[in-house]
């Protein structure tokens, strides 16, 4: 049994925003515009329209394969998910059982609060899912701005159900910086603490493009925190950039034959971090506060150390000469999120305790709860005062939010008798690493096998050899 006496702030937890977003938060005229550029409804299933083509994964849903937009919640950790995946190879779940696996908190704030009671989470920053990945590629600037405004209105209403526990992270469409500035000021006036941007070169413009300067200045003036949120890259049908370059550093991982989720998140975050600390960005905008989301945190000291060395060694060769070491600039203006199983972060708590904020990544398939973080931090010897900062007060202070304690005791999850919940032996077997020889030779069914679904080597129902 676990008990805590301090508030936990979850700085990165998700919602699934479509299709209800288009049904209730845009006008009929705007909906006609969006149908050509960014749209999804119930009749399309999991697919949506991006720039006139029906090629966008719009609603991950709660299927065992794919992103699993609502699969992770109370009781459904990685081991349970993998055990169920194996079982489904020979036994189909009923509609009622599949419905039980769909955690409604991705759409319903009341269901989310119930899940937070199990997960040990007191307050949370709510972040979009598919909009974060696809919005930068919408070719019509007005359509992109409509989507951003609609999402911001929807997530504001979602969070108003529990305004002292749920906090909205806004989005902006960067296709037209003037429209983006208007939306920045609008959501700041509504009390949004954070605005999210994906650090990629969408439509031929990385976020360091000169036209974005007015956008960054508006963020600085309003006091919004910038949330640079990374995303998988390489496996989706994004349009090619006009200049022929990669849109994301994570594409390199995919082109090398590895699923981009392995390191693609980190590649995007490392590239952006190196830019902001070596380019003079933080000196030009000294009041900007920034977070790096969903890219793990273990790499940070090594990257900043390399940037410090380059700063000292090649300063005379750069047009901009900053007044601070990259590591100093980052620690003074930035934070980075970590997740519950990042044991190296806990072992290095002397370095990380001031610069990290905790993220559950709910409701995605790899999410974990606060109880696991507390347990592993305790095993690593993290002092309680630092644990409190890393799990709560660092984020609350950054966002200007009063930390409040709502959940004190661990609440055991008990599935109903009619749900085929795996036992401990099944979970251990499912989590057992597969020998390399098996990976090279085993033939698998791509519709049900976890590894094949993860790597997307074949369409559902087909066969492929895992190499």
Protein backbone atom coordinates (compact mmCIF):
# COMPACT_ATOMS: atom_id res chain seq x y z
CA UNK A 1 0.00 0.00 0.00
CA UNK A 2 1.33 3.43 -0.99
CA UNK A 3 0.48 6.82 0.44
CA UNK A 4 1.65 10.30 -0.51
CA UNK A 5 1.38 13.64 1.25
CA UNK A 6 2.26 15.97 -1.63
CA UNK A 7 0.51 17.00 -4.88
CA UNK A 8 1.53 15.45 -8.18
CA UNK A 9 1.27 17.57 -11.34
CA UNK A 10 1.15 15.63 -14.61
CA UNK A 11 2.67 17.91 -17.24
CA UNK A 12 1.87 15.80 -20.32
CA UNK A 13 -1.31 13.72 -20.60
CA UNK A 14 -3.46 13.44 -23.69
CA UNK A 15 -6.94 13.64 -25.09
CA UNK A 16 -8.35 12.28 -28.35
CA UNK A 17 -9.84 15.33 -30.02
CA UNK A 18 -11.61 13.95 -33.08
CA UNK A 19 -14.28 13.63 -34.42
CA UNK A 20 -16.36 15.52 -31.85
CA UNK A 21 -14.18 18.58 -32.35
CA UNK A 22 -15.53 19.15 -35.89
CA UNK A 23 -19.07 18.29 -34.95
CA UNK A 24 -19.49 20.85 -32.18
CA UNK A 25 -16.84 23.56 -32.42
CA UNK A 26 -16.83 24.79 -36.03
CA UNK A 27 -19.55 26.46 -38.09
CA UNK A 28 -21.11 24.83 -41.15
CA UNK A 29 -19.14 27.14 -43.43
CA UNK A 30 -15.88 26.36 -41.70
CA UNK A 31 -16.64 22.65 -41.76
CA UNK A 32 -16.91 22.81 -45.55
CA UNK A 33 -13.44 24.37 -45.69
CA UNK A 34 -11.97 21.79 -43.32
CA UNK A 35 -13.33 18.87 -45.37
CA UNK A 36 -10.67 19.66 -47.97
CA UNK A 37 -7.72 20.13 -45.61
CA UNK A 38 -8.18 18.58 -42.15
CA UNK A 39 -11.26 16.60 -41.25
CA UNK A 40 -12.61 13.42 -39.69
CA UNK A 41 -16.06 12.13 -38.78
CA UNK A 42 -17.60 8.94 -37.44
CA UNK A 43 -18.19 7.48 -40.92
CA UNK A 44 -14.45 7.55 -41.72
CA UNK A 45 -13.49 5.12 -38.96
CA UNK A 46 -9.94 5.79 -37.81
CA UNK A 47 -8.92 7.68 -40.95
CA UNK A 48 -9.18 11.38 -41.69
CA UNK A 49 -8.55 13.83 -44.52
CA UNK A 50 -5.29 15.74 -44.75
CA UNK A 51 -4.87 18.14 -47.69
CA UNK A 52 -7.51 16.44 -49.83
CA UNK A 53 -6.32 12.88 -49.22
CA UNK A 54 -7.84 10.36 -46.86
CA UNK A 55 -4.50 9.38 -45.37
CA UNK A 56 -4.47 10.70 -41.79
CA UNK A 57 -4.68 8.48 -38.71
CA UNK A 58 -7.23 10.55 -36.88
CA UNK A 59 -8.51 8.54 -33.93
CA UNK A 60 -6.15 5.95 -32.45
CA UNK A 61 -9.02 4.57 -30.37
CA UNK A 62 -8.53 1.69 -27.97
CA UNK A 63 -7.45 -1.08 -30.32
CA UNK A 64 -4.52 -3.16 -29.14
CA UNK A 65 -2.53 -2.33 -32.28
CA UNK A 66 -1.24 1.10 -33.17
CA UNK A 67 -1.03 4.16 -30.94
CA UNK A 68 -3.66 3.09 -28.44
CA UNK A 69 -5.01 6.56 -27.79
CA UNK A 70 -7.14 5.48 -24.86
CA UNK A 71 -5.75 2.11 -23.84
CA UNK A 72 -3.59 3.05 -20.87
CA UNK A 73 -5.49 3.70 -17.69
CA UNK A 74 -6.05 2.17 -14.27
CA UNK A 75 -5.00 -1.47 -14.30
CA UNK A 76 -3.83 -1.51 -17.91
CA UNK A 77 -0.07 -1.16 -17.71
CA UNK A 78 2.39 -2.39 -20.34
CA UNK A 79 2.40 -5.94 -19.03
CA UNK A 80 -1.38 -6.25 -19.05
CA UNK A 81 -1.59 -4.78 -22.55
CA UNK A 82 1.00 -7.16 -23.95
CA UNK A 83 -0.62 -10.16 -22.27
CA UNK A 84 -3.98 -9.21 -23.75
CA UNK A 85 -2.34 -8.73 -27.14
CA UNK A 86 -1.02 -12.29 -27.03
CA UNK A 87 -4.37 -13.66 -25.88
CA UNK A 88 -6.23 -11.89 -28.68
CA UNK A 89 -4.23 -13.92 -31.18
CA UNK A 90 -6.52 -16.84 -30.35
CA UNK A 91 -9.52 -15.26 -28.63
CA UNK A 92 -11.55 -12.25 -29.70
CA UNK A 93 -12.85 -9.91 -27.05
CA UNK A 94 -16.55 -9.08 -26.98
CA UNK A 95 -17.82 -5.60 -27.77
CA UNK A 96 -18.50 -5.10 -24.07
CA UNK A 97 -14.95 -6.11 -23.16
CA UNK A 98 -13.46 -3.82 -25.81
CA UNK A 99 -15.65 -1.02 -24.52
CA UNK A 100 -14.27 -1.60 -21.03
CA UNK A 101 -10.73 -1.14 -22.37
CA UNK A 102 -11.63 2.25 -23.86
CA UNK A 103 -10.76 4.76 -21.15
CA UNK A 104 -13.31 7.53 -21.61
CA UNK A 105 -11.10 10.13 -19.98
CA UNK A 106 -9.65 10.93 -23.41
CA UNK A 107 -12.98 12.62 -24.17
CA UNK A 108 -14.83 12.96 -20.87
CA UNK A 109 -13.35 15.06 -18.03
CA UNK A 110 -15.45 13.30 -15.40
CA UNK A 111 -14.05 9.92 -16.42
CA UNK A 112 -10.57 11.41 -16.39
CA UNK A 113 -10.91 12.55 -12.79
CA UNK A 114 -11.91 9.02 -11.81
CA UNK A 115 -8.83 7.63 -13.58
CA UNK A 116 -6.59 10.22 -11.88
CA UNK A 117 -7.78 8.95 -8.50
CA UNK A 118 -6.31 5.54 -9.38
CA UNK A 119 -3.18 6.93 -11.03
CA UNK A 120 -2.14 9.13 -8.11
CA UNK A 121 -2.46 12.35 -10.15
CA UNK A 122 -3.74 15.54 -8.52
CA UNK A 123 -3.52 18.06 -11.38
CA UNK A 124 -2.78 17.70 -15.08
CA UNK A 125 -1.91 19.66 -18.19
CA UNK A 126 -4.14 18.34 -20.99
CA UNK A 127 -2.40 18.00 -24.37
CA UNK A 128 -3.81 17.04 -27.81
CA UNK A 129 -2.81 13.90 -29.66
CA UNK A 130 -3.18 13.81 -33.45
CA UNK A 131 -3.40 17.60 -33.89
CA UNK A 132 0.12 17.83 -32.51
CA UNK A 133 1.38 15.60 -35.31
CA UNK A 134 -0.68 16.70 -38.29
CA UNK A 135 -1.67 20.35 -37.87
CA UNK A 136 1.72 21.76 -39.02
CA UNK A 137 1.21 20.12 -42.43
CA UNK A 138 -2.16 21.65 -43.32
CA UNK A 139 -1.55 23.54 -46.56
CA UNK A 140 -4.34 26.10 -46.11
CA UNK A 141 -3.40 28.61 -43.40
CA UNK A 142 -6.99 29.66 -42.70
CA UNK A 143 -8.11 26.04 -42.30
CA UNK A 144 -5.22 25.38 -39.93
CA UNK A 145 -6.15 28.42 -37.85
CA UNK A 146 -9.79 27.24 -37.66
CA UNK A 147 -8.66 23.84 -36.36
CA UNK A 148 -6.42 25.44 -33.72
CA UNK A 149 -9.17 27.76 -32.52
CA UNK A 150 -11.75 24.95 -32.42
CA UNK A 151 -9.44 22.67 -30.43
CA UNK A 152 -8.58 25.45 -27.97
CA UNK A 153 -12.29 26.15 -27.41
CA UNK A 154 -13.02 22.44 -26.90
CA UNK A 155 -10.15 21.77 -24.48
CA UNK A 156 -11.02 24.92 -22.53
CA UNK A 157 -14.56 23.62 -21.99
CA UNK A 158 -13.18 20.17 -21.14
CA UNK A 159 -10.97 21.60 -18.41
CA UNK A 160 -13.63 23.91 -17.00
CA UNK A 161 -15.37 20.85 -15.57
CA UNK A 162 -12.58 20.75 -12.92
CA UNK A 163 -10.69 24.05 -13.21
CA UNK A 164 -8.43 23.41 -10.22
CA UNK A 165 -7.38 19.96 -11.52
CA UNK A 166 -7.46 20.12 -15.34
CA UNK A 167 -5.45 22.76 -17.23
CA UNK A 168 -5.52 23.26 -21.00
CA UNK A 169 -2.48 23.28 -23.26
CA UNK A 170 -3.34 25.32 -26.33
CA UNK A 171 -2.19 24.84 -29.92
CA UNK A 172 -1.41 27.34 -32.65
CA UNK A 173 -1.26 27.01 -36.42
CA UNK A 174 2.12 28.38 -37.46
CA UNK A 175 1.27 28.52 -41.19
CA UNK A 176 0.34 32.20 -40.82
CA UNK A 177 2.25 33.92 -37.99
CA UNK A 178 -0.24 36.82 -37.88
CA UNK A 179 -3.15 34.44 -37.25
CA UNK A 180 -0.99 32.54 -34.78
CA UNK A 181 -0.28 35.72 -32.80
CA UNK A 182 -4.02 36.45 -32.59
CA UNK A 183 -4.67 32.97 -31.21
CA UNK A 184 -1.77 33.26 -28.76
CA UNK A 185 -3.26 36.42 -27.30
CA UNK A 186 -6.77 34.94 -27.25
CA UNK A 187 -5.83 31.80 -25.29
CA UNK A 188 -3.57 33.79 -22.95
CA UNK A 189 -6.57 35.99 -22.11
CA UNK A 190 -8.55 32.81 -21.30
CA UNK A 191 -5.93 31.66 -18.83
CA UNK A 192 -4.15 28.91 -20.77
CA UNK A 193 -0.78 28.27 -19.10
CA UNK A 194 0.96 26.56 -22.06
CA UNK A 195 0.93 26.56 -25.87
CA UNK A 196 2.28 23.52 -27.75
CA UNK A 197 4.38 23.53 -30.92
CA UNK A 198 6.03 20.60 -32.66
CA UNK A 199 9.76 21.17 -33.38
CA UNK A 200 9.82 20.14 -37.04
CA UNK A 201 10.37 21.65 -40.48
CA UNK A 202 6.78 21.57 -41.70
CA UNK A 203 6.06 22.94 -45.19
CA UNK A 204 9.67 24.07 -45.53
CA UNK A 205 9.94 26.18 -42.36
CA UNK A 206 11.62 25.12 -39.13
CA UNK A 207 10.48 27.13 -36.08
CA UNK A 208 13.62 29.28 -36.30
CA UNK A 209 12.33 30.84 -39.56
CA UNK A 210 12.47 34.68 -39.40
CA UNK A 211 8.71 34.95 -39.95
CA UNK A 212 8.19 33.24 -36.59
CA UNK A 213 9.89 35.98 -34.58
CA UNK A 214 6.62 37.85 -34.04
CA UNK A 215 5.10 34.60 -32.81
CA UNK A 216 7.86 34.06 -30.24
CA UNK A 217 7.65 37.69 -29.15
CA UNK A 218 3.89 37.36 -28.56
CA UNK A 219 4.43 34.24 -26.46
CA UNK A 220 7.06 36.06 -24.42
CA UNK A 221 4.80 39.09 -23.90
CA UNK A 222 1.79 37.05 -22.79
CA UNK A 223 3.76 34.86 -20.39
CA UNK A 224 2.62 31.59 -21.96
CA UNK A 225 5.00 28.68 -21.51
CA UNK A 226 6.14 27.07 -24.77
CA UNK A 227 5.62 23.31 -24.88
CA UNK A 228 7.80 21.75 -27.59
CA UNK A 229 6.07 18.40 -28.02
CA UNK A 230 7.68 15.74 -30.19
CA UNK A 231 5.85 13.04 -32.16
CA UNK A 232 6.55 9.84 -34.16
CA UNK A 233 7.89 10.52 -37.63
CA UNK A 234 8.36 8.67 -40.85
CA UNK A 235 5.42 6.31 -40.89
CA UNK A 236 2.66 8.74 -41.84
CA UNK A 237 1.87 10.07 -45.35
CA UNK A 238 2.99 13.62 -44.79
CA UNK A 239 3.50 15.83 -47.84
CA UNK A 240 7.09 16.41 -48.92
CA UNK A 241 8.70 19.68 -47.97
CA UNK A 242 9.06 22.16 -50.78
CA UNK A 243 12.84 22.27 -50.39
CA UNK A 244 13.22 18.49 -50.40
CA UNK A 245 14.64 18.20 -46.88
CA UNK A 246 13.53 15.91 -44.10
CA UNK A 247 10.69 17.39 -42.09
CA UNK A 248 11.91 15.73 -38.88
CA UNK A 249 15.26 14.42 -37.65
CA UNK A 250 13.28 11.40 -36.54
CA UNK A 251 12.86 10.38 -40.18
CA UNK A 252 16.47 9.22 -40.15
CA UNK A 253 15.56 6.54 -37.62
CA UNK A 254 12.68 5.37 -39.77
CA UNK A 255 14.77 5.35 -42.95
CA UNK A 256 17.34 3.20 -41.14
CA UNK A 257 14.68 0.52 -40.75
CA UNK A 258 13.66 1.16 -37.14
CA UNK A 259 10.28 2.35 -35.91
CA UNK A 260 10.56 6.09 -35.29
CA UNK A 261 9.18 5.76 -31.77
CA UNK A 262 12.49 4.17 -30.74
CA UNK A 263 14.46 7.43 -30.94
CA UNK A 264 12.52 9.78 -33.21
CA UNK A 265 11.08 11.71 -30.27
CA UNK A 266 14.57 12.30 -28.92
CA UNK A 267 15.99 13.35 -32.31
CA UNK A 268 13.39 16.12 -32.63
CA UNK A 269 14.00 17.31 -29.07
CA UNK A 270 17.82 17.20 -29.25
CA UNK A 271 17.83 19.20 -32.49
CA UNK A 272 15.54 21.87 -31.07
CA UNK A 273 17.47 22.06 -27.80
CA UNK A 274 20.79 22.52 -29.60
CA UNK A 275 19.24 25.30 -31.67
CA UNK A 276 17.81 27.29 -28.76
CA UNK A 277 20.98 27.14 -26.66
CA UNK A 278 23.52 27.82 -29.45
CA UNK A 279 21.66 30.22 -31.75
CA UNK A 280 21.00 33.04 -29.32
CA UNK A 281 17.26 32.29 -29.28
CA UNK A 282 17.05 32.39 -25.47
CA UNK A 283 19.07 35.62 -25.40
CA UNK A 284 16.70 37.26 -27.89
CA UNK A 285 13.74 36.12 -25.76
CA UNK A 286 15.05 36.15 -22.19
CA UNK A 287 11.56 35.96 -20.63
CA UNK A 288 10.42 32.89 -22.56
CA UNK A 289 9.85 29.77 -20.49
CA UNK A 290 9.97 26.49 -22.36
CA UNK A 291 9.39 22.80 -21.76
CA UNK A 292 10.53 19.83 -23.83
CA UNK A 293 7.77 17.18 -23.82
CA UNK A 294 7.69 13.44 -24.51
CA UNK A 295 11.30 12.84 -25.44
CA UNK A 296 12.64 11.38 -22.16
CA UNK A 297 15.21 13.36 -20.18
CA UNK A 298 18.24 11.14 -19.77
CA UNK A 299 20.01 12.60 -22.83
CA UNK A 300 19.87 16.20 -21.60
CA UNK A 301 23.13 16.52 -19.61
CA UNK A 302 25.18 14.88 -22.36
CA UNK A 303 23.74 17.12 -25.09
CA UNK A 304 24.14 20.27 -23.02
CA UNK A 305 27.71 19.28 -22.18
CA UNK A 306 28.48 18.95 -25.91
CA UNK A 307 26.84 22.32 -26.57
CA UNK A 308 28.90 23.94 -23.80
CA UNK A 309 32.07 22.59 -25.39
CA UNK A 310 31.07 23.89 -28.82
CA UNK A 311 30.11 27.25 -27.31
CA UNK A 312 33.59 27.66 -25.82
CA UNK A 313 35.51 26.17 -28.72
CA UNK A 314 33.84 27.81 -31.71
CA UNK A 315 32.48 31.06 -30.31
CA UNK A 316 34.58 33.24 -32.60
CA UNK A 317 33.10 31.51 -35.66
CA UNK A 318 29.47 32.27 -34.80
CA UNK A 319 27.61 35.44 -35.71
CA UNK A 320 25.91 35.40 -32.32
CA UNK A 321 27.94 35.28 -29.14
CA UNK A 322 25.76 34.58 -26.16
CA UNK A 323 26.52 35.71 -22.65
CA UNK A 324 25.63 32.38 -21.01
CA UNK A 325 26.80 28.83 -21.39
CA UNK A 326 24.14 26.70 -23.14
CA UNK A 327 23.64 24.64 -19.99
CA UNK A 328 23.10 27.80 -17.94
CA UNK A 329 20.62 29.24 -20.43
CA UNK A 330 18.63 26.00 -20.55
CA UNK A 331 18.49 25.61 -16.77
CA UNK A 332 17.42 29.22 -16.34
CA UNK A 333 14.58 29.20 -18.91
CA UNK A 334 13.67 25.59 -19.70
CA UNK A 335 12.36 22.37 -18.22
CA UNK A 336 12.19 18.84 -19.62
CA UNK A 337 9.65 16.14 -18.87
CA UNK A 338 10.49 12.68 -17.60
CA UNK A 339 8.34 9.57 -17.24
CA UNK A 340 7.92 7.13 -14.39
CA UNK A 341 10.41 4.50 -15.52
CA UNK A 342 13.41 6.77 -16.26
CA UNK A 343 15.62 5.30 -13.57
CA UNK A 344 18.76 7.07 -14.80
CA UNK A 345 17.07 10.40 -14.12
CA UNK A 346 16.43 9.26 -10.57
CA UNK A 347 20.01 8.06 -10.12
CA UNK A 348 21.18 11.49 -11.31
CA UNK A 349 18.73 13.47 -9.16
CA UNK A 350 21.49 15.87 -8.11
CA UNK A 351 21.51 17.14 -11.72
CA UNK A 352 17.84 16.74 -12.61
CA UNK A 353 15.87 17.87 -9.58
CA UNK A 354 15.61 21.52 -10.68
CA UNK A 355 15.08 21.03 -14.41
CA UNK A 356 12.53 18.19 -14.69
CA UNK A 357 8.76 17.90 -14.59
CA UNK A 358 6.87 14.60 -14.47
CA UNK A 359 4.65 13.27 -17.27
CA UNK A 360 2.34 10.25 -17.27
CA UNK A 361 1.69 10.28 -21.06
CA UNK A 362 -1.83 9.02 -20.38
CA UNK A 363 -3.70 7.52 -22.18
CA UNK A 364 -1.07 6.20 -24.54
CA UNK A 365 0.15 2.64 -24.53
CA UNK A 366 3.46 3.37 -22.76
CA UNK A 367 2.00 5.57 -20.00
CA UNK A 368 2.64 4.94 -16.31
CA UNK A 369 1.14 6.28 -13.11
CA UNK A 370 2.57 8.40 -10.33
CA UNK A 371 2.77 5.48 -7.92
CA UNK A 372 5.41 3.78 -10.07
CA UNK A 373 7.45 6.98 -10.19
CA UNK A 374 7.27 7.33 -6.40
CA UNK A 375 8.32 3.70 -5.92
CA UNK A 376 11.28 3.86 -8.32
CA UNK A 377 12.44 7.25 -7.06
CA UNK A 378 12.38 5.85 -3.53
CA UNK A 379 14.46 2.85 -4.57
CA UNK A 380 16.98 5.19 -6.21
CA UNK A 381 17.34 7.20 -3.01
CA UNK A 382 15.81 10.45 -4.28
CA UNK A 383 15.28 12.69 -1.20
CA UNK A 384 11.64 13.51 -0.54
CA UNK A 385 12.11 17.25 -1.05
CA UNK A 386 13.51 16.61 -4.53
CA UNK A 387 10.81 14.05 -5.29
CA UNK A 388 8.18 16.65 -4.43
CA UNK A 389 9.78 19.16 -6.80
CA UNK A 390 10.18 16.73 -9.69
CA UNK A 391 6.68 15.29 -9.37
CA UNK A 392 4.78 18.49 -8.73
CA UNK A 393 6.05 21.86 -7.65
CA UNK A 394 8.51 22.40 -10.52
CA UNK A 395 5.64 22.24 -13.00
CA UNK A 396 3.16 24.15 -10.85
CA UNK A 397 5.62 27.01 -10.36
CA UNK A 398 6.52 27.08 -14.04
CA UNK A 399 2.85 27.32 -15.05
CA UNK A 400 1.85 29.71 -12.27
CA UNK A 401 -0.61 27.20 -10.80
CA UNK A 402 -1.34 26.67 -7.12
CA UNK A 403 -0.47 23.04 -6.31
CA UNK A 404 -3.32 21.19 -4.59
CA UNK A 405 -3.45 17.73 -3.07
CA UNK A 406 -6.47 15.58 -3.95
CA UNK A 407 -5.15 12.01 -4.00
CA UNK A 408 -3.34 10.66 -0.94
CA UNK A 409 -3.86 6.87 -0.95
CA UNK A 410 -3.17 4.17 -3.50
CA UNK A 411 -6.44 2.81 -4.84
CA UNK A 412 -6.38 -0.79 -6.01
CA UNK A 413 -7.92 -1.46 -9.40
CA UNK A 414 -10.28 -4.44 -9.49
CA UNK A 415 -11.51 -5.48 -12.96
CA UNK A 416 -14.99 -6.97 -13.26
CA UNK A 417 -15.30 -10.74 -13.26
CA UNK A 418 -16.54 -10.79 -16.85
CA UNK A 419 -13.35 -9.20 -18.21
CA UNK A 420 -10.58 -11.71 -19.11
CA UNK A 421 -7.87 -9.97 -17.10
CA UNK A 422 -4.49 -11.74 -17.43
CA UNK A 423 -2.96 -13.36 -14.37
CA UNK A 424 0.57 -12.76 -13.09
CA UNK A 425 2.05 -15.70 -15.01
CA UNK A 426 0.61 -14.45 -18.30
CA UNK A 427 1.97 -10.96 -17.68
CA UNK A 428 5.46 -12.24 -16.84
CA UNK A 429 5.49 -14.38 -19.97
CA UNK A 430 4.28 -11.48 -22.12
CA UNK A 431 7.02 -9.20 -20.79
CA UNK A 432 9.77 -11.78 -21.28
CA UNK A 433 12.25 -10.49 -23.90
CA UNK A 434 12.09 -12.43 -27.15
CA UNK A 435 15.43 -14.06 -28.08
CA UNK A 436 17.18 -12.48 -31.04
CA UNK A 437 17.03 -15.76 -32.95
CA UNK A 438 13.25 -15.80 -32.62
CA UNK A 439 13.02 -12.25 -33.91
CA UNK A 440 15.01 -13.21 -37.01
CA UNK A 441 13.13 -16.36 -37.94
CA UNK A 442 9.69 -16.29 -36.42
CA UNK A 443 6.77 -15.87 -38.81
CA UNK A 444 3.98 -13.86 -37.30
CA UNK A 445 0.48 -12.74 -38.11
CA UNK A 446 0.54 -8.96 -38.55
CA UNK A 447 -3.05 -8.55 -37.50
CA UNK A 448 -2.46 -9.82 -33.97
CA UNK A 449 1.26 -9.94 -33.17
CA UNK A 450 2.55 -7.15 -30.95
CA UNK A 451 5.97 -6.86 -32.57
CA UNK A 452 4.63 -6.73 -36.11
CA UNK A 453 1.94 -4.22 -35.24
CA UNK A 454 4.54 -2.06 -33.57
CA UNK A 455 6.87 -2.10 -36.55
CA UNK A 456 4.02 -1.87 -39.09
CA UNK A 457 5.67 -4.42 -41.36
CA UNK A 458 2.48 -5.68 -42.97
CA UNK A 459 -1.19 -4.77 -43.27
CA UNK A 460 -3.63 -6.30 -40.79
CA UNK A 461 -4.27 -9.94 -41.53
CA UNK A 462 -1.15 -10.42 -43.68
CA UNK A 463 2.07 -12.21 -42.88
CA UNK A 464 5.60 -10.88 -42.57
CA UNK A 465 8.95 -12.01 -41.33
CA UNK A 466 10.36 -9.94 -38.51
CA UNK A 467 14.03 -9.13 -39.21
